[in-house]
Amino acid sequence: MFRTTLILVGLLASASARAAEPVEYASRIRPIFQKHCYECHGPEKQESGLRLDQRQEALAGGESGPAIVPNDPDGSLLLKLVQSDDPEKVMPPKGDPLTAAEIKLLKDWIEAGANWPEE
């Protein structure tokens, strides 16, 4: 019983430590943006005035307001749109939608402050 308790405590501590690790932009977030967003909001094209390949522009947002509000996933339009059930509003409008894991990474990243190194 004591050994089982120690194992469970160790597993919980390990999971908690992983959850507390910040989501790294370059290896975890940029690939999501590249795969799903850059076609319309990248270096070649900025629909609705939104550009997601550069930090300053992404944080400023587009015509609809701030897409990413650091520390505020609920106030971040980006999350609302990638999670939308409305086919007229969901992003991306064509191609594969974001997976639940990708959405969770974006949410965790924004919640932790949307750290994005200057490039």
PDB file of N, CA and C in Angstrom:
ATOM      1  N   MET A   1       0.829  -1.196   0.000  1.00  0.00           N
ATOM      2  CA  MET A   1       0.000   0.000   0.000  1.00  0.00           C
ATOM      3  C   MET A   1       0.869   1.254   0.000  1.00  0.00           C
ATOM      4  N   PHE A   2       1.883   1.276   0.890  1.00  0.00           N
ATOM      5  CA  PHE A   2       2.762   2.439   0.993  1.00  0.00           C
ATOM      6  C   PHE A   2       3.506   2.663  -0.315  1.00  0.00           C
ATOM      7  N   ARG A   3       3.987   1.567  -0.934  1.00  0.00           N
ATOM      8  CA  ARG A   3       4.713   1.664  -2.201  1.00  0.00           C
ATOM      9  C   ARG A   3       3.796   2.205  -3.307  1.00  0.00           C
ATOM     10  N   THR A   4       2.576   1.730  -3.366  1.00  0.00           N
ATOM     11  CA  THR A   4       1.618   2.202  -4.361  1.00  0.00           C
ATOM     12  C   THR A   4       1.355   3.695  -4.182  1.00  0.00           C
ATOM     13  N   THR A   5       1.217   4.139  -2.952  1.00  0.00           N
ATOM     14  CA  THR A   5       1.003   5.554  -2.664  1.00  0.00           C
ATOM     15  C   THR A   5       2.184   6.385  -3.135  1.00  0.00           C
ATOM     16  N   LEU A   6       3.402   5.902  -2.864  1.00  0.00           N
ATOM     17  CA  LEU A   6       4.600   6.629  -3.299  1.00  0.00           C
ATOM     18  C   LEU A   6       4.671   6.718  -4.818  1.00  0.00           C
ATOM     19  N   ILE A   7       4.325   5.643  -5.499  1.00  0.00           N
ATOM     20  CA  ILE A   7       4.331   5.644  -6.962  1.00  0.00           C
ATOM     21  C   ILE A   7       3.318   6.652  -7.485  1.00  0.00           C
ATOM     22  N   LEU A   8       2.113   6.637  -6.920  1.00  0.00           N
ATOM     23  CA  LEU A   8       1.081   7.583  -7.350  1.00  0.00           C
ATOM     24  C   LEU A   8       1.493   9.031  -7.095  1.00  0.00           C
ATOM     25  N   VAL A   9       2.071   9.294  -5.946  1.00  0.00           N
ATOM     26  CA  VAL A   9       2.534  10.647  -5.631  1.00  0.00           C
ATOM     27  C   VAL A   9       3.606  11.072  -6.629  1.00  0.00           C
ATOM     28  N   GLY A  10       4.519  10.173  -6.955  1.00  0.00           N
ATOM     29  CA  GLY A  10       5.566  10.464  -7.929  1.00  0.00           C
ATOM     30  C   GLY A  10       4.997  10.750  -9.304  1.00  0.00           C
ATOM     31  N   LEU A  11       4.018   9.971  -9.733  1.00  0.00           N
ATOM     32  CA  LEU A  11       3.385  10.195 -11.035  1.00  0.00           C
ATOM     33  C   LEU A  11       2.658  11.533 -11.068  1.00  0.00           C
ATOM     34  N   LEU A  12       1.956  11.848 -10.008  1.00  0.00           N
ATOM     35  CA  LEU A  12       1.243  13.127  -9.947  1.00  0.00           C
ATOM     36  C   LEU A  12       2.214  14.297  -9.959  1.00  0.00           C
ATOM     37  N   ALA A  13       3.305  14.183  -9.223  1.00  0.00           N
ATOM     38  CA  ALA A  13       4.307  15.258  -9.201  1.00  0.00           C
ATOM     39  C   ALA A  13       4.926  15.438 -10.574  1.00  0.00           C
ATOM     40  N   SER A  14       5.187  14.339 -11.265  1.00  0.00           N
ATOM     41  CA  SER A  14       5.769  14.401 -12.603  1.00  0.00           C
ATOM     42  C   SER A  14       4.797  15.061 -13.581  1.00  0.00           C
ATOM     43  N   ALA A  15       3.531  14.678 -13.522  1.00  0.00           N
ATOM     44  CA  ALA A  15       2.522  15.277 -14.402  1.00  0.00           C
ATOM     45  C   ALA A  15       2.350  16.752 -14.103  1.00  0.00           C
ATOM     46  N   SER A  16       2.373  17.102 -12.827  1.00  0.00           N
ATOM     47  CA  SER A  16       2.241  18.507 -12.433  1.00  0.00           C
ATOM     48  C   SER A  16       3.414  19.333 -12.937  1.00  0.00           C
ATOM     49  N   ALA A  17       4.609  18.791 -12.864  1.00  0.00           N
ATOM     50  CA  ALA A  17       5.799  19.504 -13.339  1.00  0.00           C
ATOM     51  C   ALA A  17       5.723  19.713 -14.840  1.00  0.00           C
ATOM     52  N   ARG A  18       5.254  18.689 -15.573  1.00  0.00           N
ATOM     53  CA  ARG A  18       5.116  18.841 -17.027  1.00  0.00           C
ATOM     54  C   ARG A  18       4.079  19.900 -17.356  1.00  0.00           C
ATOM     55  N   ALA A  19       2.983  19.938 -16.626  1.00  0.00           N
ATOM     56  CA  ALA A  19       1.925  20.908 -16.879  1.00  0.00           C
ATOM     57  C   ALA A  19       2.414  22.325 -16.608  1.00  0.00           C
ATOM     58  N   ALA A  20       3.354  22.474 -15.667  1.00  0.00           N
ATOM     59  CA  ALA A  20       3.844  23.796 -15.310  1.00  0.00           C
ATOM     60  C   ALA A  20       4.892  24.312 -16.294  1.00  0.00           C
ATOM     61  N   GLU A  21       5.437  23.429 -17.129  1.00  0.00           N
ATOM     62  CA  GLU A  21       6.435  23.855 -18.103  1.00  0.00           C
ATOM     63  C   GLU A  21       5.778  24.777 -19.129  1.00  0.00           C
ATOM     64  N   PRO A  22       6.435  25.877 -19.463  1.00  0.00           N
ATOM     65  CA  PRO A  22       5.850  26.771 -20.450  1.00  0.00           C
ATOM     66  C   PRO A  22       5.856  26.138 -21.844  1.00  0.00           C
ATOM     67  N   VAL A  23       4.890  26.505 -22.643  1.00  0.00           N
ATOM     68  CA  VAL A  23       4.817  26.028 -24.013  1.00  0.00           C
ATOM     69  C   VAL A  23       5.783  26.870 -24.837  1.00  0.00           C
ATOM     70  N   GLU A  24       6.746  26.224 -25.458  1.00  0.00           N
ATOM     71  CA  GLU A  24       7.785  26.904 -26.217  1.00  0.00           C
ATOM     72  C   GLU A  24       7.253  27.291 -27.596  1.00  0.00           C
ATOM     73  N   TYR A  25       7.368  28.557 -27.945  1.00  0.00           N
ATOM     74  CA  TYR A  25       6.812  29.065 -29.193  1.00  0.00           C
ATOM     75  C   TYR A  25       7.409  28.385 -30.435  1.00  0.00           C
ATOM     76  N   ALA A  26       8.725  28.406 -30.568  1.00  0.00           N
ATOM     77  CA  ALA A  26       9.370  27.951 -31.803  1.00  0.00           C
ATOM     78  C   ALA A  26       9.070  26.491 -32.133  1.00  0.00           C
ATOM     79  N   SER A  27       9.060  25.639 -31.139  1.00  0.00           N
ATOM     80  CA  SER A  27       8.875  24.218 -31.419  1.00  0.00           C
ATOM     81  C   SER A  27       7.429  23.745 -31.331  1.00  0.00           C
ATOM     82  N   ARG A  28       6.561  24.498 -30.646  1.00  0.00           N
ATOM     83  CA  ARG A  28       5.199  24.021 -30.424  1.00  0.00           C
ATOM     84  C   ARG A  28       4.119  24.882 -31.074  1.00  0.00           C
ATOM     85  N   ILE A  29       4.282  26.211 -31.036  1.00  0.00           N
ATOM     86  CA  ILE A  29       3.234  27.112 -31.532  1.00  0.00           C
ATOM     87  C   ILE A  29       3.444  27.478 -33.006  1.00  0.00           C
ATOM     88  N   ARG A  30       4.662  27.865 -33.356  1.00  0.00           N
ATOM     89  CA  ARG A  30       4.923  28.239 -34.755  1.00  0.00           C
ATOM     90  C   ARG A  30       4.498  27.141 -35.731  1.00  0.00           C
ATOM     91  N   PRO A  31       4.777  25.860 -35.458  1.00  0.00           N
ATOM     92  CA  PRO A  31       4.327  24.823 -36.400  1.00  0.00           C
ATOM     93  C   PRO A  31       2.807  24.790 -36.588  1.00  0.00           C
ATOM     94  N   ILE A  32       2.062  25.099 -35.548  1.00  0.00           N
ATOM     95  CA  ILE A  32       0.594  25.162 -35.669  1.00  0.00           C
ATOM     96  C   ILE A  32       0.216  26.319 -36.587  1.00  0.00           C
ATOM     97  N   PHE A  33       0.818  27.484 -36.351  1.00  0.00           N
ATOM     98  CA  PHE A  33       0.544  28.644 -37.203  1.00  0.00           C
ATOM     99  C   PHE A  33       0.938  28.359 -38.650  1.00  0.00           C
ATOM    100  N   GLN A  34       2.098  27.728 -38.849  1.00  0.00           N
ATOM    101  CA  GLN A  34       2.557  27.424 -40.206  1.00  0.00           C
ATOM    102  C   GLN A  34       1.584  26.481 -40.913  1.00  0.00           C
ATOM    103  N   LYS A  35       1.149  25.483 -40.220  1.00  0.00           N
ATOM    104  CA  LYS A  35       0.273  24.461 -40.804  1.00  0.00           C
ATOM    105  C   LYS A  35      -1.129  24.988 -41.106  1.00  0.00           C
ATOM    106  N   HIS A  36      -1.685  25.780 -40.186  1.00  0.00           N
ATOM    107  CA  HIS A  36      -3.093  26.145 -40.290  1.00  0.00           C
ATOM    108  C   HIS A  36      -3.371  27.612 -40.631  1.00  0.00           C
ATOM    109  N   CYS A  37      -2.412  28.511 -40.403  1.00  0.00           N
ATOM    110  CA  CYS A  37      -2.739  29.937 -40.430  1.00  0.00           C
ATOM    111  C   CYS A  37      -1.997  30.766 -41.486  1.00  0.00           C
ATOM    112  N   TYR A  38      -0.754  30.403 -41.778  1.00  0.00           N
ATOM    113  CA  TYR A  38       0.077  31.261 -42.623  1.00  0.00           C
ATOM    114  C   TYR A  38      -0.460  31.444 -44.035  1.00  0.00           C
ATOM    115  N   GLU A  39      -1.230  30.497 -44.541  1.00  0.00           N
ATOM    116  CA  GLU A  39      -1.766  30.650 -45.898  1.00  0.00           C
ATOM    117  C   GLU A  39      -2.577  31.946 -46.024  1.00  0.00           C
ATOM    118  N   CYS A  40      -3.297  32.307 -44.983  1.00  0.00           N
ATOM    119  CA  CYS A  40      -4.119  33.524 -45.009  1.00  0.00           C
ATOM    120  C   CYS A  40      -3.575  34.645 -44.128  1.00  0.00           C
ATOM    121  N   HIS A  41      -2.737  34.299 -43.148  1.00  0.00           N
ATOM    122  CA  HIS A  41      -2.259  35.291 -42.177  1.00  0.00           C
ATOM    123  C   HIS A  41      -0.746  35.195 -41.988  1.00  0.00           C
ATOM    124  N   GLY A  42      -0.032  35.057 -43.084  1.00  0.00           N
ATOM    125  CA  GLY A  42       1.422  34.910 -43.022  1.00  0.00           C
ATOM    126  C   GLY A  42       2.136  36.008 -43.783  1.00  0.00           C
ATOM    127  N   PRO A  43       3.353  35.732 -44.215  1.00  0.00           N
ATOM    128  CA  PRO A  43       4.162  36.764 -44.862  1.00  0.00           C
ATOM    129  C   PRO A  43       3.624  37.198 -46.224  1.00  0.00           C
ATOM    130  N   GLU A  44       2.930  36.315 -46.923  1.00  0.00           N
ATOM    131  CA  GLU A  44       2.438  36.643 -48.268  1.00  0.00           C
ATOM    132  C   GLU A  44       1.078  37.334 -48.262  1.00  0.00           C
ATOM    133  N   LYS A  45       0.274  37.025 -47.283  1.00  0.00           N
ATOM    134  CA  LYS A  45      -1.118  37.470 -47.281  1.00  0.00           C
ATOM    135  C   LYS A  45      -1.542  37.733 -45.839  1.00  0.00           C
ATOM    136  N   GLN A  46      -2.276  38.807 -45.616  1.00  0.00           N
ATOM    137  CA  GLN A  46      -2.763  39.118 -44.266  1.00  0.00           C
ATOM    138  C   GLN A  46      -4.257  39.443 -44.329  1.00  0.00           C
ATOM    139  N   GLU A  47      -5.057  38.419 -44.475  1.00  0.00           N
ATOM    140  CA  GLU A  47      -6.503  38.637 -44.535  1.00  0.00           C
ATOM    141  C   GLU A  47      -6.979  39.284 -43.246  1.00  0.00           C
ATOM    142  N   SER A  48      -7.914  40.189 -43.381  1.00  0.00           N
ATOM    143  CA  SER A  48      -8.487  40.943 -42.260  1.00  0.00           C
ATOM    144  C   SER A  48      -7.417  41.676 -41.461  1.00  0.00           C
ATOM    145  N   GLY A  49      -6.289  41.941 -42.099  1.00  0.00           N
ATOM    146  CA  GLY A  49      -5.230  42.707 -41.454  1.00  0.00           C
ATOM    147  C   GLY A  49      -4.458  41.938 -40.395  1.00  0.00           C
ATOM    148  N   LEU A  50      -4.652  40.626 -40.324  1.00  0.00           N
ATOM    149  CA  LEU A  50      -3.992  39.827 -39.294  1.00  0.00           C
ATOM    150  C   LEU A  50      -2.781  39.107 -39.865  1.00  0.00           C
ATOM    151  N   ARG A  51      -1.661  39.274 -39.189  1.00  0.00           N
ATOM    152  CA  ARG A  51      -0.420  38.595 -39.574  1.00  0.00           C
ATOM    153  C   ARG A  51       0.092  37.816 -38.365  1.00  0.00           C
ATOM    154  N   LEU A  52       0.245  36.502 -38.542  1.00  0.00           N
ATOM    155  CA  LEU A  52       0.634  35.641 -37.424  1.00  0.00           C
ATOM    156  C   LEU A  52       2.071  35.135 -37.502  1.00  0.00           C
ATOM    157  N   ASP A  53       2.838  35.630 -38.445  1.00  0.00           N
ATOM    158  CA  ASP A  53       4.224  35.173 -38.529  1.00  0.00           C
ATOM    159  C   ASP A  53       5.205  36.148 -37.880  1.00  0.00           C
ATOM    160  N   GLN A  54       4.703  37.273 -37.381  1.00  0.00           N
ATOM    161  CA  GLN A  54       5.551  38.243 -36.699  1.00  0.00           C
ATOM    162  C   GLN A  54       4.898  38.635 -35.378  1.00  0.00           C
ATOM    163  N   ARG A  55       5.690  38.624 -34.338  1.00  0.00           N
ATOM    164  CA  ARG A  55       5.200  38.830 -32.971  1.00  0.00           C
ATOM    165  C   ARG A  55       4.392  40.111 -32.808  1.00  0.00           C
ATOM    166  N   GLN A  56       4.977  41.235 -33.161  1.00  0.00           N
ATOM    167  CA  GLN A  56       4.329  42.527 -32.932  1.00  0.00           C
ATOM    168  C   GLN A  56       2.976  42.604 -33.641  1.00  0.00           C
ATOM    169  N   GLU A  57       2.938  42.176 -34.898  1.00  0.00           N
ATOM    170  CA  GLU A  57       1.693  42.224 -35.672  1.00  0.00           C
ATOM    171  C   GLU A  57       0.657  41.251 -35.122  1.00  0.00           C
ATOM    172  N   ALA A  58       1.104  40.069 -34.711  1.00  0.00           N
ATOM    173  CA  ALA A  58       0.167  39.082 -34.169  1.00  0.00           C
ATOM    174  C   ALA A  58      -0.473  39.582 -32.882  1.00  0.00           C
ATOM    175  N   LEU A  59       0.330  40.196 -32.020  1.00  0.00           N
ATOM    176  CA  LEU A  59      -0.216  40.700 -30.758  1.00  0.00           C
ATOM    177  C   LEU A  59      -1.101  41.927 -30.969  1.00  0.00           C
ATOM    178  N   ALA A  60      -0.827  42.709 -32.009  1.00  0.00           N
ATOM    179  CA  ALA A  60      -1.665  43.873 -32.316  1.00  0.00           C
ATOM    180  C   ALA A  60      -3.029  43.433 -32.837  1.00  0.00           C
ATOM    181  N   GLY A  61      -3.053  42.312 -33.547  1.00  0.00           N
ATOM    182  CA  GLY A  61      -4.311  41.807 -34.092  1.00  0.00           C
ATOM    183  C   GLY A  61      -4.630  42.390 -35.443  1.00  0.00           C
ATOM    184  N   GLY A  62      -5.854  42.179 -35.861  1.00  0.00           N
ATOM    185  CA  GLY A  62      -6.294  42.647 -37.168  1.00  0.00           C
ATOM    186  C   GLY A  62      -7.518  43.524 -37.051  1.00  0.00           C
ATOM    187  N   GLU A  63      -8.303  43.534 -38.109  1.00  0.00           N
ATOM    188  CA  GLU A  63      -9.497  44.386 -38.167  1.00  0.00           C
ATOM    189  C   GLU A  63     -10.529  44.042 -37.097  1.00  0.00           C
ATOM    190  N   SER A  64     -10.532  42.813 -36.625  1.00  0.00           N
ATOM    191  CA  SER A  64     -11.507  42.386 -35.621  1.00  0.00           C
ATOM    192  C   SER A  64     -11.029  42.589 -34.193  1.00  0.00           C
ATOM    193  N   GLY A  65      -9.808  43.114 -34.036  1.00  0.00           N
ATOM    194  CA  GLY A  65      -9.268  43.354 -32.704  1.00  0.00           C
ATOM    195  C   GLY A  65      -8.155  42.387 -32.375  1.00  0.00           C
ATOM    196  N   PRO A  66      -7.726  42.382 -31.107  1.00  0.00           N
ATOM    197  CA  PRO A  66      -6.612  41.532 -30.705  1.00  0.00           C
ATOM    198  C   PRO A  66      -6.928  40.046 -30.870  1.00  0.00           C
ATOM    199  N   ALA A  67      -6.081  39.352 -31.619  1.00  0.00           N
ATOM    200  CA  ALA A  67      -6.262  37.916 -31.813  1.00  0.00           C
ATOM    201  C   ALA A  67      -5.700  37.141 -30.635  1.00  0.00           C
ATOM    202  N   ILE A  68      -4.618  37.653 -30.062  1.00  0.00           N
ATOM    203  CA  ILE A  68      -3.938  36.993 -28.948  1.00  0.00           C
ATOM    204  C   ILE A  68      -3.822  37.988 -27.805  1.00  0.00           C
ATOM    205  N   VAL A  69      -4.434  37.654 -26.679  1.00  0.00           N
ATOM    206  CA  VAL A  69      -4.333  38.503 -25.489  1.00  0.00           C
ATOM    207  C   VAL A  69      -3.562  37.694 -24.443  1.00  0.00           C
ATOM    208  N   PRO A  70      -2.265  38.009 -24.260  1.00  0.00           N
ATOM    209  CA  PRO A  70      -1.469  37.235 -23.314  1.00  0.00           C
ATOM    210  C   PRO A  70      -2.145  37.125 -21.944  1.00  0.00           C
ATOM    211  N   ASN A  71      -2.097  35.935 -21.377  1.00  0.00           N
ATOM    212  CA  ASN A  71      -2.684  35.604 -20.076  1.00  0.00           C
ATOM    213  C   ASN A  71      -4.206  35.577 -20.077  1.00  0.00           C
ATOM    214  N   ASP A  72      -4.841  35.733 -21.240  1.00  0.00           N
ATOM    215  CA  ASP A  72      -6.303  35.779 -21.302  1.00  0.00           C
ATOM    216  C   ASP A  72      -6.833  34.944 -22.476  1.00  0.00           C
ATOM    217  N   PRO A  73      -6.850  33.624 -22.333  1.00  0.00           N
ATOM    218  CA  PRO A  73      -7.345  32.798 -23.429  1.00  0.00           C
ATOM    219  C   PRO A  73      -8.789  33.111 -23.797  1.00  0.00           C
ATOM    220  N   ASP A  74      -9.617  33.441 -22.789  1.00  0.00           N
ATOM    221  CA  ASP A  74     -11.026  33.734 -23.068  1.00  0.00           C
ATOM    222  C   ASP A  74     -11.194  35.039 -23.843  1.00  0.00           C
ATOM    223  N   GLY A  75     -10.240  35.950 -23.730  1.00  0.00           N
ATOM    224  CA  GLY A  75     -10.301  37.209 -24.449  1.00  0.00           C
ATOM    225  C   GLY A  75      -9.547  37.192 -25.764  1.00  0.00           C
ATOM    226  N   SER A  76      -9.022  36.029 -26.134  1.00  0.00           N
ATOM    227  CA  SER A  76      -8.233  35.893 -27.355  1.00  0.00           C
ATOM    228  C   SER A  76      -9.113  35.385 -28.494  1.00  0.00           C
ATOM    229  N   LEU A  77      -9.322  36.246 -29.475  1.00  0.00           N
ATOM    230  CA  LEU A  77     -10.167  35.920 -30.614  1.00  0.00           C
ATOM    231  C   LEU A  77      -9.661  34.690 -31.362  1.00  0.00           C
ATOM    232  N   LEU A  78      -8.358  34.521 -31.419  1.00  0.00           N
ATOM    233  CA  LEU A  78      -7.784  33.363 -32.098  1.00  0.00           C
ATOM    234  C   LEU A  78      -8.384  32.066 -31.556  1.00  0.00           C
ATOM    235  N   LEU A  79      -8.441  31.924 -30.245  1.00  0.00           N
ATOM    236  CA  LEU A  79      -9.002  30.704 -29.648  1.00  0.00           C
ATOM    237  C   LEU A  79     -10.489  30.572 -29.933  1.00  0.00           C
ATOM    238  N   LYS A  80     -11.208  31.670 -29.859  1.00  0.00           N
ATOM    239  CA  LYS A  80     -12.650  31.611 -30.140  1.00  0.00           C
ATOM    240  C   LYS A  80     -12.899  31.102 -31.550  1.00  0.00           C
ATOM    241  N   LEU A  81     -12.100  31.580 -32.500  1.00  0.00           N
ATOM    242  CA  LEU A  81     -12.330  31.212 -33.897  1.00  0.00           C
ATOM    243  C   LEU A  81     -11.882  29.796 -34.230  1.00  0.00           C
ATOM    244  N   VAL A  82     -10.795  29.326 -33.653  1.00  0.00           N
ATOM    245  CA  VAL A  82     -10.371  27.957 -33.959  1.00  0.00           C
ATOM    246  C   VAL A  82     -11.266  26.928 -33.278  1.00  0.00           C
ATOM    247  N   GLN A  83     -12.026  27.356 -32.257  1.00  0.00           N
ATOM    248  CA  GLN A  83     -12.946  26.460 -31.555  1.00  0.00           C
ATOM    249  C   GLN A  83     -14.397  26.612 -32.003  1.00  0.00           C
ATOM    250  N   SER A  84     -14.660  27.545 -32.888  1.00  0.00           N
ATOM    251  CA  SER A  84     -16.039  27.855 -33.277  1.00  0.00           C
ATOM    252  C   SER A  84     -16.725  26.665 -33.962  1.00  0.00           C
ATOM    253  N   ASP A  85     -18.025  26.541 -33.693  1.00  0.00           N
ATOM    254  CA  ASP A  85     -18.854  25.543 -34.373  1.00  0.00           C
ATOM    255  C   ASP A  85     -19.545  26.157 -35.583  1.00  0.00           C
ATOM    256  N   ASP A  86     -19.444  27.463 -35.735  1.00  0.00           N
ATOM    257  CA  ASP A  86     -20.084  28.169 -36.835  1.00  0.00           C
ATOM    258  C   ASP A  86     -19.225  28.056 -38.089  1.00  0.00           C
ATOM    259  N   PRO A  87     -19.716  27.380 -39.128  1.00  0.00           N
ATOM    260  CA  PRO A  87     -18.913  27.210 -40.340  1.00  0.00           C
ATOM    261  C   PRO A  87     -18.548  28.531 -41.026  1.00  0.00           C
ATOM    262  N   GLU A  88     -19.272  29.591 -40.731  1.00  0.00           N
ATOM    263  CA  GLU A  88     -18.971  30.906 -41.309  1.00  0.00           C
ATOM    264  C   GLU A  88     -17.844  31.615 -40.570  1.00  0.00           C
ATOM    265  N   LYS A  89     -17.549  31.171 -39.327  1.00  0.00           N
ATOM    266  CA  LYS A  89     -16.553  31.852 -38.507  1.00  0.00           C
ATOM    267  C   LYS A  89     -15.326  31.013 -38.182  1.00  0.00           C
ATOM    268  N   VAL A  90     -15.453  29.702 -38.239  1.00  0.00           N
ATOM    269  CA  VAL A  90     -14.364  28.829 -37.798  1.00  0.00           C
ATOM    270  C   VAL A  90     -13.094  29.063 -38.619  1.00  0.00           C
ATOM    271  N   MET A  91     -11.968  29.025 -37.931  1.00  0.00           N
ATOM    272  CA  MET A  91     -10.668  29.138 -38.571  1.00  0.00           C
ATOM    273  C   MET A  91      -9.907  27.853 -38.363  1.00  0.00           C
ATOM    274  N   PRO A  92      -9.195  27.386 -39.351  1.00  0.00           N
ATOM    275  CA  PRO A  92      -9.133  27.919 -40.705  1.00  0.00           C
ATOM    276  C   PRO A  92     -10.418  27.586 -41.471  1.00  0.00           C
ATOM    277  N   PRO A  93     -10.783  28.454 -42.422  1.00  0.00           N
ATOM    278  CA  PRO A  93     -12.033  28.244 -43.141  1.00  0.00           C
ATOM    279  C   PRO A  93     -11.989  27.056 -44.104  1.00  0.00           C
ATOM    280  N   LYS A  94     -10.790  26.664 -44.507  1.00  0.00           N
ATOM    281  CA  LYS A  94     -10.653  25.489 -45.373  1.00  0.00           C
ATOM    282  C   LYS A  94      -9.465  24.671 -44.873  1.00  0.00           C
ATOM    283  N   GLY A  95      -9.425  23.438 -45.290  1.00  0.00           N
ATOM    284  CA  GLY A  95      -8.373  22.550 -44.804  1.00  0.00           C
ATOM    285  C   GLY A  95      -8.771  21.922 -43.484  1.00  0.00           C
ATOM    286  N   ASP A  96      -7.818  21.243 -42.890  1.00  0.00           N
ATOM    287  CA  ASP A  96      -8.084  20.547 -41.633  1.00  0.00           C
ATOM    288  C   ASP A  96      -8.226  21.525 -40.480  1.00  0.00           C
ATOM    289  N   PRO A  97      -9.226  21.310 -39.625  1.00  0.00           N
ATOM    290  CA  PRO A  97      -9.323  22.134 -38.416  1.00  0.00           C
ATOM    291  C   PRO A  97      -8.212  21.755 -37.450  1.00  0.00           C
ATOM    292  N   LEU A  98      -7.981  22.611 -36.484  1.00  0.00           N
ATOM    293  CA  LEU A  98      -6.998  22.303 -35.452  1.00  0.00           C
ATOM    294  C   LEU A  98      -7.494  21.130 -34.619  1.00  0.00           C
ATOM    295  N   THR A  99      -6.578  20.325 -34.181  1.00  0.00           N
ATOM    296  CA  THR A  99      -6.934  19.212 -33.307  1.00  0.00           C
ATOM    297  C   THR A  99      -7.161  19.737 -31.893  1.00  0.00           C
ATOM    298  N   ALA A 100      -7.773  18.922 -31.066  1.00  0.00           N
ATOM    299  CA  ALA A 100      -7.975  19.300 -29.662  1.00  0.00           C
ATOM    300  C   ALA A 100      -6.624  19.547 -28.991  1.00  0.00           C
ATOM    301  N   ALA A 101      -5.619  18.755 -29.331  1.00  0.00           N
ATOM    302  CA  ALA A 101      -4.284  18.931 -28.737  1.00  0.00           C
ATOM    303  C   ALA A 101      -3.661  20.257 -29.172  1.00  0.00           C
ATOM    304  N   GLU A 102      -3.839  20.634 -30.425  1.00  0.00           N
ATOM    305  CA  GLU A 102      -3.302  21.913 -30.908  1.00  0.00           C
ATOM    306  C   GLU A 102      -3.998  23.085 -30.230  1.00  0.00           C
ATOM    307  N   ILE A 103      -5.299  22.985 -30.078  1.00  0.00           N
ATOM    308  CA  ILE A 103      -6.057  24.042 -29.406  1.00  0.00           C
ATOM    309  C   ILE A 103      -5.616  24.159 -27.950  1.00  0.00           C
ATOM    310  N   LYS A 104      -5.418  23.025 -27.295  1.00  0.00           N
ATOM    311  CA  LYS A 104      -4.952  23.058 -25.900  1.00  0.00           C
ATOM    312  C   LYS A 104      -3.576  23.707 -25.799  1.00  0.00           C
ATOM    313  N   LEU A 105      -2.678  23.397 -26.714  1.00  0.00           N
ATOM    314  CA  LEU A 105      -1.358  24.030 -26.706  1.00  0.00           C
ATOM    315  C   LEU A 105      -1.482  25.543 -26.853  1.00  0.00           C
ATOM    316  N   LEU A 106      -2.311  25.994 -27.791  1.00  0.00           N
ATOM    317  CA  LEU A 106      -2.514  27.439 -27.965  1.00  0.00           C
ATOM    318  C   LEU A 106      -3.073  28.068 -26.697  1.00  0.00           C
ATOM    319  N   LYS A 107      -4.051  27.400 -26.103  1.00  0.00           N
ATOM    320  CA  LYS A 107      -4.660  27.927 -24.875  1.00  0.00           C
ATOM    321  C   LYS A 107      -3.629  28.002 -23.751  1.00  0.00           C
ATOM    322  N   ASP A 108      -2.871  26.932 -23.562  1.00  0.00           N
ATOM    323  CA  ASP A 108      -1.851  26.914 -22.508  1.00  0.00           C
ATOM    324  C   ASP A 108      -0.798  27.991 -22.759  1.00  0.00           C
ATOM    325  N   TRP A 109      -0.400  28.152 -24.006  1.00  0.00           N
ATOM    326  CA  TRP A 109       0.597  29.159 -24.375  1.00  0.00           C
ATOM    327  C   TRP A 109       0.085  30.567 -24.064  1.00  0.00           C
ATOM    328  N   ILE A 110      -1.134  30.859 -24.463  1.00  0.00           N
ATOM    329  CA  ILE A 110      -1.724  32.181 -24.204  1.00  0.00           C
ATOM    330  C   ILE A 110      -1.882  32.393 -22.705  1.00  0.00           C
ATOM    331  N   GLU A 111      -2.385  31.376 -22.013  1.00  0.00           N
ATOM    332  CA  GLU A 111      -2.595  31.464 -20.566  1.00  0.00           C
ATOM    333  C   GLU A 111      -1.290  31.764 -19.823  1.00  0.00           C
ATOM    334  N   ALA A 112      -0.194  31.233 -20.342  1.00  0.00           N
ATOM    335  CA  ALA A 112       1.116  31.439 -19.708  1.00  0.00           C
ATOM    336  C   ALA A 112       1.792  32.739 -20.139  1.00  0.00           C
ATOM    337  N   GLY A 113       1.093  33.549 -20.936  1.00  0.00           N
ATOM    338  CA  GLY A 113       1.646  34.845 -21.320  1.00  0.00           C
ATOM    339  C   GLY A 113       2.010  34.981 -22.780  1.00  0.00           C
ATOM    340  N   ALA A 114       1.735  33.953 -23.587  1.00  0.00           N
ATOM    341  CA  ALA A 114       2.028  33.980 -25.021  1.00  0.00           C
ATOM    342  C   ALA A 114       3.468  34.412 -25.284  1.00  0.00           C
ATOM    343  N   ASN A 115       4.398  33.786 -24.556  1.00  0.00           N
ATOM    344  CA  ASN A 115       5.804  34.127 -24.728  1.00  0.00           C
ATOM    345  C   ASN A 115       6.237  33.818 -26.156  1.00  0.00           C
ATOM    346  N   TRP A 116       6.836  34.817 -26.782  1.00  0.00           N
ATOM    347  CA  TRP A 116       7.220  34.738 -28.168  1.00  0.00           C
ATOM    348  C   TRP A 116       8.496  35.524 -28.313  1.00  0.00           C
ATOM    349  N   PRO A 117       9.603  34.857 -28.536  1.00  0.00           N
ATOM    350  CA  PRO A 117      10.875  35.584 -28.591  1.00  0.00           C
ATOM    351  C   PRO A 117      10.919  36.579 -29.742  1.00  0.00           C
ATOM    352  N   GLU A 118      11.601  37.684 -29.521  1.00  0.00           N
ATOM    353  CA  GLU A 118      11.816  38.647 -30.599  1.00  0.00           C
ATOM    354  C   GLU A 118      12.661  37.948 -31.652  1.00  0.00           C
ATOM    355  N   GLU A 119      12.332  38.147 -32.899  1.00  0.00           N
ATOM    356  CA  GLU A 119      13.093  37.478 -33.954  1.00  0.00           C
ATOM    357  C   GLU A 119      13.830  38.497 -34.785  1.00  0.00           C
TER     358      GLU A 119
END
